[in-house]
Structure formats: structure tokens, C-alpha cells
Amino acid sequence: MSKGRKTLLVVAGLMIVGSLSAMSGCRHAYRDRNNISIGMSVTDVFNAADQWELCLRSYLNETTKEFGMFNVLKDPGGHAYRIPKYDKKIASKDEFLQFVEKQMSNGQNWGSQFTYFSGPIRSTFRVEFDRSGKVIKIAGPVGPP
């Protein structure tokens, strides 16, 4: 086999392996999104969507036009959550769920965006909650533009 052919096979192999790992984030996003349904509670959603790496949560108060948000970064390999806005790190999923429920109990419609990373590729879907914390809309997932 010629040197050029060997190089071509190595490059093709690396491209295949790279594309498989990039698809894992997309696969997790689709699977987690499909585990969520209309009417689920905040806790149910976070128990159903467990593979995300970044979650953005936001609301717009229609009366005051106040915009509120916080983001959560999940540490790789476990259930440790970092919430930069509050300079807080939470080590257990139960404590994290309590934190999120408390934040979302302000009587506003919240939106949550779940993001999954695979190298340079990211997949995201969004879940909208009503004032009582129940899912009213699920959108996505979407990949990179």
C-alpha cells in the first residue's frame, strides 16, 4: 500500500471517529428532549434531561419588563453544578433541584435551554414553563447554525 493511500485511510478514519463523537451530543439532546412532555414539572424535566452540560434559564416579567436569568454549568463526570451568577457550586442533584424550584417559583413563565457539547458541535433544545412550573412548549433540538 502506498504512503498516500495510508495517509488517506488514517485521515478518513479520524474523520469518522470525530463525526461519531460529535453526534453523541446530538443523540443525547434528542433522547433527553423526547423524554420530556407537556405538563411535566420542573423536577420531572431535570430528571428526564440529565445529559446536558449547560442550562440557561430566563424569564421576562410582562408587567415590569424585568428580565431575569441564571445559567448552570454541569461539571463533567457527575452531578456537580456551578451557578456563576450566584457564585455557587452545588454537589448534589437533590440540592440543585431545590435551588432551581426556588428560583422558578416567582410566578413568572420561565424558559430553559439545555445545551449538549461534543467538541466544537453543540445541540440545544428549549422548554417553556408556565407560571406554575409546568411544561407548556418544547422546541428543538437544534444543532449548530
C-alpha atoms as a PDB file:
ATOM      1  CA  MET A   1       0.000   0.000   0.000  1.00  0.00           C
ATOM      2  CA  SER A   2       1.388   3.404  -0.926  1.00  0.00           C
ATOM      3  CA  LYS A   3       2.191   6.134   1.615  1.00  0.00           C
ATOM      4  CA  GLY A   4      -0.502   8.407   0.133  1.00  0.00           C
ATOM      5  CA  ARG A   5      -3.158   5.707   0.449  1.00  0.00           C
ATOM      6  CA  LYS A   6      -2.182   5.025   4.087  1.00  0.00           C
ATOM      7  CA  THR A   7      -2.413   8.734   4.854  1.00  0.00           C
ATOM      8  CA  LEU A   8      -5.816   8.914   3.203  1.00  0.00           C
ATOM      9  CA  LEU A   9      -7.080   5.949   5.271  1.00  0.00           C
ATOM     10  CA  VAL A  10      -5.788   7.497   8.514  1.00  0.00           C
ATOM     11  CA  VAL A  11      -7.438  10.837   7.704  1.00  0.00           C
ATOM     12  CA  ALA A  12     -10.710   9.126   6.766  1.00  0.00           C
ATOM     13  CA  GLY A  13     -10.614   7.099   9.993  1.00  0.00           C
ATOM     14  CA  LEU A  14     -10.048  10.218  12.085  1.00  0.00           C
ATOM     15  CA  MET A  15     -12.930  11.963  10.348  1.00  0.00           C
ATOM     16  CA  ILE A  16     -15.252   9.044  11.071  1.00  0.00           C
ATOM     17  CA  VAL A  17     -14.245   8.875  14.745  1.00  0.00           C
ATOM     18  CA  GLY A  18     -14.620  12.651  15.042  1.00  0.00           C
ATOM     19  CA  SER A  19     -18.062  12.638  13.497  1.00  0.00           C
ATOM     20  CA  LEU A  20     -19.213   9.831  15.804  1.00  0.00           C
ATOM     21  CA  SER A  21     -18.170  11.759  18.903  1.00  0.00           C
ATOM     22  CA  ALA A  22     -19.794  14.920  17.551  1.00  0.00           C
ATOM     23  CA  MET A  23     -23.038  13.007  17.068  1.00  0.00           C
ATOM     24  CA  SER A  24     -23.110  11.925  20.742  1.00  0.00           C
ATOM     25  CA  GLY A  25     -24.205  15.387  21.935  1.00  0.00           C
ATOM     26  CA  CYS A  26     -26.904  15.458  19.291  1.00  0.00           C
ATOM     27  CA  ARG A  27     -28.041  11.968  20.270  1.00  0.00           C
ATOM     28  CA  HIS A  28     -28.216  12.928  23.968  1.00  0.00           C
ATOM     29  CA  ALA A  29     -30.180  16.086  23.108  1.00  0.00           C
ATOM     30  CA  TYR A  30     -32.733  14.167  21.033  1.00  0.00           C
ATOM     31  CA  ARG A  31     -33.096  11.437  23.651  1.00  0.00           C
ATOM     32  CA  ASP A  32     -33.465  13.853  26.567  1.00  0.00           C
ATOM     33  CA  ARG A  33     -35.875  16.046  24.589  1.00  0.00           C
ATOM     34  CA  ASN A  34     -38.027  13.035  23.766  1.00  0.00           C
ATOM     35  CA  ASN A  35     -38.218  12.160  27.486  1.00  0.00           C
ATOM     36  CA  ILE A  36     -39.969  15.483  28.192  1.00  0.00           C
ATOM     37  CA  SER A  37     -43.673  16.056  27.656  1.00  0.00           C
ATOM     38  CA  ILE A  38     -46.240  18.803  28.099  1.00  0.00           C
ATOM     39  CA  GLY A  39     -47.444  19.123  31.701  1.00  0.00           C
ATOM     40  CA  MET A  40     -44.250  17.864  33.367  1.00  0.00           C
ATOM     41  CA  SER A  41     -42.938  19.740  36.407  1.00  0.00           C
ATOM     42  CA  VAL A  42     -39.523  21.367  36.696  1.00  0.00           C
ATOM     43  CA  THR A  43     -38.253  18.416  38.741  1.00  0.00           C
ATOM     44  CA  ASP A  44     -39.627  15.930  36.211  1.00  0.00           C
ATOM     45  CA  VAL A  45     -37.850  17.770  33.380  1.00  0.00           C
ATOM     46  CA  PHE A  46     -34.482  17.767  35.137  1.00  0.00           C
ATOM     47  CA  ASN A  47     -34.856  14.097  35.963  1.00  0.00           C
ATOM     48  CA  ALA A  48     -35.723  13.310  32.329  1.00  0.00           C
ATOM     49  CA  ALA A  49     -32.995  15.521  30.798  1.00  0.00           C
ATOM     50  CA  ASP A  50     -29.811  14.553  32.560  1.00  0.00           C
ATOM     51  CA  GLN A  51     -27.035  14.629  29.939  1.00  0.00           C
ATOM     52  CA  TRP A  52     -26.861  18.409  29.321  1.00  0.00           C
ATOM     53  CA  GLU A  53     -23.742  20.421  30.054  1.00  0.00           C
ATOM     54  CA  LEU A  54     -25.107  23.973  30.057  1.00  0.00           C
ATOM     55  CA  CYS A  55     -28.574  25.144  31.017  1.00  0.00           C
ATOM     56  CA  LEU A  56     -29.779  28.712  30.610  1.00  0.00           C
ATOM     57  CA  ARG A  57     -32.962  29.741  32.422  1.00  0.00           C
ATOM     58  CA  SER A  58     -34.742  33.024  31.818  1.00  0.00           C
ATOM     59  CA  TYR A  59     -37.996  34.930  32.175  1.00  0.00           C
ATOM     60  CA  LEU A  60     -39.495  38.265  31.178  1.00  0.00           C
ATOM     61  CA  ASN A  61     -41.906  39.870  33.623  1.00  0.00           C
ATOM     62  CA  GLU A  62     -44.672  41.209  31.367  1.00  0.00           C
ATOM     63  CA  THR A  63     -45.737  43.818  33.937  1.00  0.00           C
ATOM     64  CA  THR A  64     -42.367  45.360  34.853  1.00  0.00           C
ATOM     65  CA  LYS A  65     -40.460  44.254  31.708  1.00  0.00           C
ATOM     66  CA  GLU A  66     -37.804  42.893  34.092  1.00  0.00           C
ATOM     67  CA  PHE A  67     -35.618  40.199  32.542  1.00  0.00           C
ATOM     68  CA  GLY A  68     -34.216  37.584  34.881  1.00  0.00           C
ATOM     69  CA  MET A  69     -31.915  34.697  34.219  1.00  0.00           C
ATOM     70  CA  PHE A  70     -29.285  32.353  35.534  1.00  0.00           C
ATOM     71  CA  ASN A  71     -27.155  29.709  33.920  1.00  0.00           C
ATOM     72  CA  VAL A  72     -25.903  26.401  35.211  1.00  0.00           C
ATOM     73  CA  LEU A  73     -22.809  24.512  34.126  1.00  0.00           C
ATOM     74  CA  LYS A  74     -22.640  20.824  34.904  1.00  0.00           C
ATOM     75  CA  ASP A  75     -19.197  19.509  35.785  1.00  0.00           C
ATOM     76  CA  PRO A  76     -18.127  16.575  33.619  1.00  0.00           C
ATOM     77  CA  GLY A  77     -18.486  13.097  35.036  1.00  0.00           C
ATOM     78  CA  GLY A  78     -21.016  13.706  37.757  1.00  0.00           C
ATOM     79  CA  HIS A  79     -23.706  15.746  39.376  1.00  0.00           C
ATOM     80  CA  ALA A  80     -21.875  18.894  40.422  1.00  0.00           C
ATOM     81  CA  TYR A  81     -23.496  22.120  39.283  1.00  0.00           C
ATOM     82  CA  ARG A  82     -21.896  25.560  39.033  1.00  0.00           C
ATOM     83  CA  ILE A  83     -24.097  28.651  39.039  1.00  0.00           C
ATOM     84  CA  PRO A  84     -21.816  31.600  38.200  1.00  0.00           C
ATOM     85  CA  LYS A  85     -24.413  34.352  38.811  1.00  0.00           C
ATOM     86  CA  TYR A  86     -24.695  33.320  42.455  1.00  0.00           C
ATOM     87  CA  ASP A  87     -21.038  32.220  42.769  1.00  0.00           C
ATOM     88  CA  LYS A  88     -22.417  28.897  43.928  1.00  0.00           C
ATOM     89  CA  LYS A  89     -21.440  25.277  43.454  1.00  0.00           C
ATOM     90  CA  ILE A  90     -23.941  22.543  44.289  1.00  0.00           C
ATOM     91  CA  ALA A  91     -22.686  18.996  44.803  1.00  0.00           C
ATOM     92  CA  SER A  92     -25.935  17.007  44.726  1.00  0.00           C
ATOM     93  CA  LYS A  93     -28.783  16.726  42.264  1.00  0.00           C
ATOM     94  CA  ASP A  94     -31.404  16.970  45.017  1.00  0.00           C
ATOM     95  CA  GLU A  95     -29.958  20.249  46.296  1.00  0.00           C
ATOM     96  CA  PHE A  96     -29.726  21.520  42.713  1.00  0.00           C
ATOM     97  CA  LEU A  97     -33.396  20.684  42.075  1.00  0.00           C
ATOM     98  CA  GLN A  98     -34.387  22.566  45.238  1.00  0.00           C
ATOM     99  CA  PHE A  99     -32.370  25.593  44.071  1.00  0.00           C
ATOM    100  CA  VAL A 100     -33.990  25.584  40.618  1.00  0.00           C
ATOM    101  CA  GLU A 101     -37.523  25.162  42.012  1.00  0.00           C
ATOM    102  CA  LYS A 102     -36.947  28.089  44.385  1.00  0.00           C
ATOM    103  CA  GLN A 103     -35.677  30.321  41.550  1.00  0.00           C
ATOM    104  CA  MET A 104     -38.619  29.414  39.325  1.00  0.00           C
ATOM    105  CA  SER A 105     -41.294  29.927  41.981  1.00  0.00           C
ATOM    106  CA  ASN A 106     -41.502  33.692  41.364  1.00  0.00           C
ATOM    107  CA  GLY A 107     -44.784  33.442  39.427  1.00  0.00           C
ATOM    108  CA  GLN A 108     -43.216  34.034  36.018  1.00  0.00           C
ATOM    109  CA  ASN A 109     -43.189  31.996  32.814  1.00  0.00           C
ATOM    110  CA  TRP A 110     -39.673  30.559  32.567  1.00  0.00           C
ATOM    111  CA  GLY A 111     -37.778  29.188  29.607  1.00  0.00           C
ATOM    112  CA  SER A 112     -34.959  26.674  29.880  1.00  0.00           C
ATOM    113  CA  GLN A 113     -32.397  26.000  27.207  1.00  0.00           C
ATOM    114  CA  PHE A 114     -30.483  22.721  27.503  1.00  0.00           C
ATOM    115  CA  THR A 115     -27.168  22.540  25.618  1.00  0.00           C
ATOM    116  CA  TYR A 116     -25.051  19.482  24.857  1.00  0.00           C
ATOM    117  CA  PHE A 117     -21.435  19.820  23.680  1.00  0.00           C
ATOM    118  CA  SER A 118     -19.427  17.425  21.525  1.00  0.00           C
ATOM    119  CA  GLY A 119     -16.159  19.066  20.661  1.00  0.00           C
ATOM    120  CA  PRO A 120     -16.917  22.125  18.536  1.00  0.00           C
ATOM    121  CA  ILE A 121     -20.503  20.957  17.893  1.00  0.00           C
ATOM    122  CA  ARG A 122     -23.393  21.856  20.179  1.00  0.00           C
ATOM    123  CA  SER A 123     -27.008  20.724  20.232  1.00  0.00           C
ATOM    124  CA  THR A 124     -29.704  22.642  22.084  1.00  0.00           C
ATOM    125  CA  PHE A 125     -33.401  22.409  22.816  1.00  0.00           C
ATOM    126  CA  ARG A 126     -35.733  24.693  24.755  1.00  0.00           C
ATOM    127  CA  VAL A 127     -38.502  24.016  27.244  1.00  0.00           C
ATOM    128  CA  GLU A 128     -41.070  26.670  28.183  1.00  0.00           C
ATOM    129  CA  PHE A 129     -42.788  26.593  31.586  1.00  0.00           C
ATOM    130  CA  ASP A 130     -45.981  28.337  32.676  1.00  0.00           C
ATOM    131  CA  ARG A 131     -46.339  30.372  35.897  1.00  0.00           C
ATOM    132  CA  SER A 132     -46.970  27.223  37.927  1.00  0.00           C
ATOM    133  CA  GLY A 133     -43.796  25.499  36.666  1.00  0.00           C
ATOM    134  CA  LYS A 134     -45.410  23.090  34.193  1.00  0.00           C
ATOM    135  CA  VAL A 135     -44.109  22.476  30.664  1.00  0.00           C
ATOM    136  CA  ILE A 136     -46.186  24.223  28.009  1.00  0.00           C
ATOM    137  CA  LYS A 137     -43.849  24.017  24.991  1.00  0.00           C
ATOM    138  CA  ILE A 138     -40.831  22.020  23.820  1.00  0.00           C
ATOM    139  CA  ALA A 139     -38.725  23.217  20.874  1.00  0.00           C
ATOM    140  CA  GLY A 140     -35.732  21.680  19.126  1.00  0.00           C
ATOM    141  CA  PRO A 141     -33.300  20.155  19.333  1.00  0.00           C
ATOM    142  CA  VAL A 142     -31.148  22.157  17.036  1.00  0.00           C
ATOM    143  CA  GLY A 143     -27.528  21.825  16.110  1.00  0.00           C
ATOM    144  CA  PRO A 144     -25.014  24.421  15.028  1.00  0.00           C
ATOM    145  CA  PRO A 145     -26.122  27.071  12.529  1.00  0.00           C
END
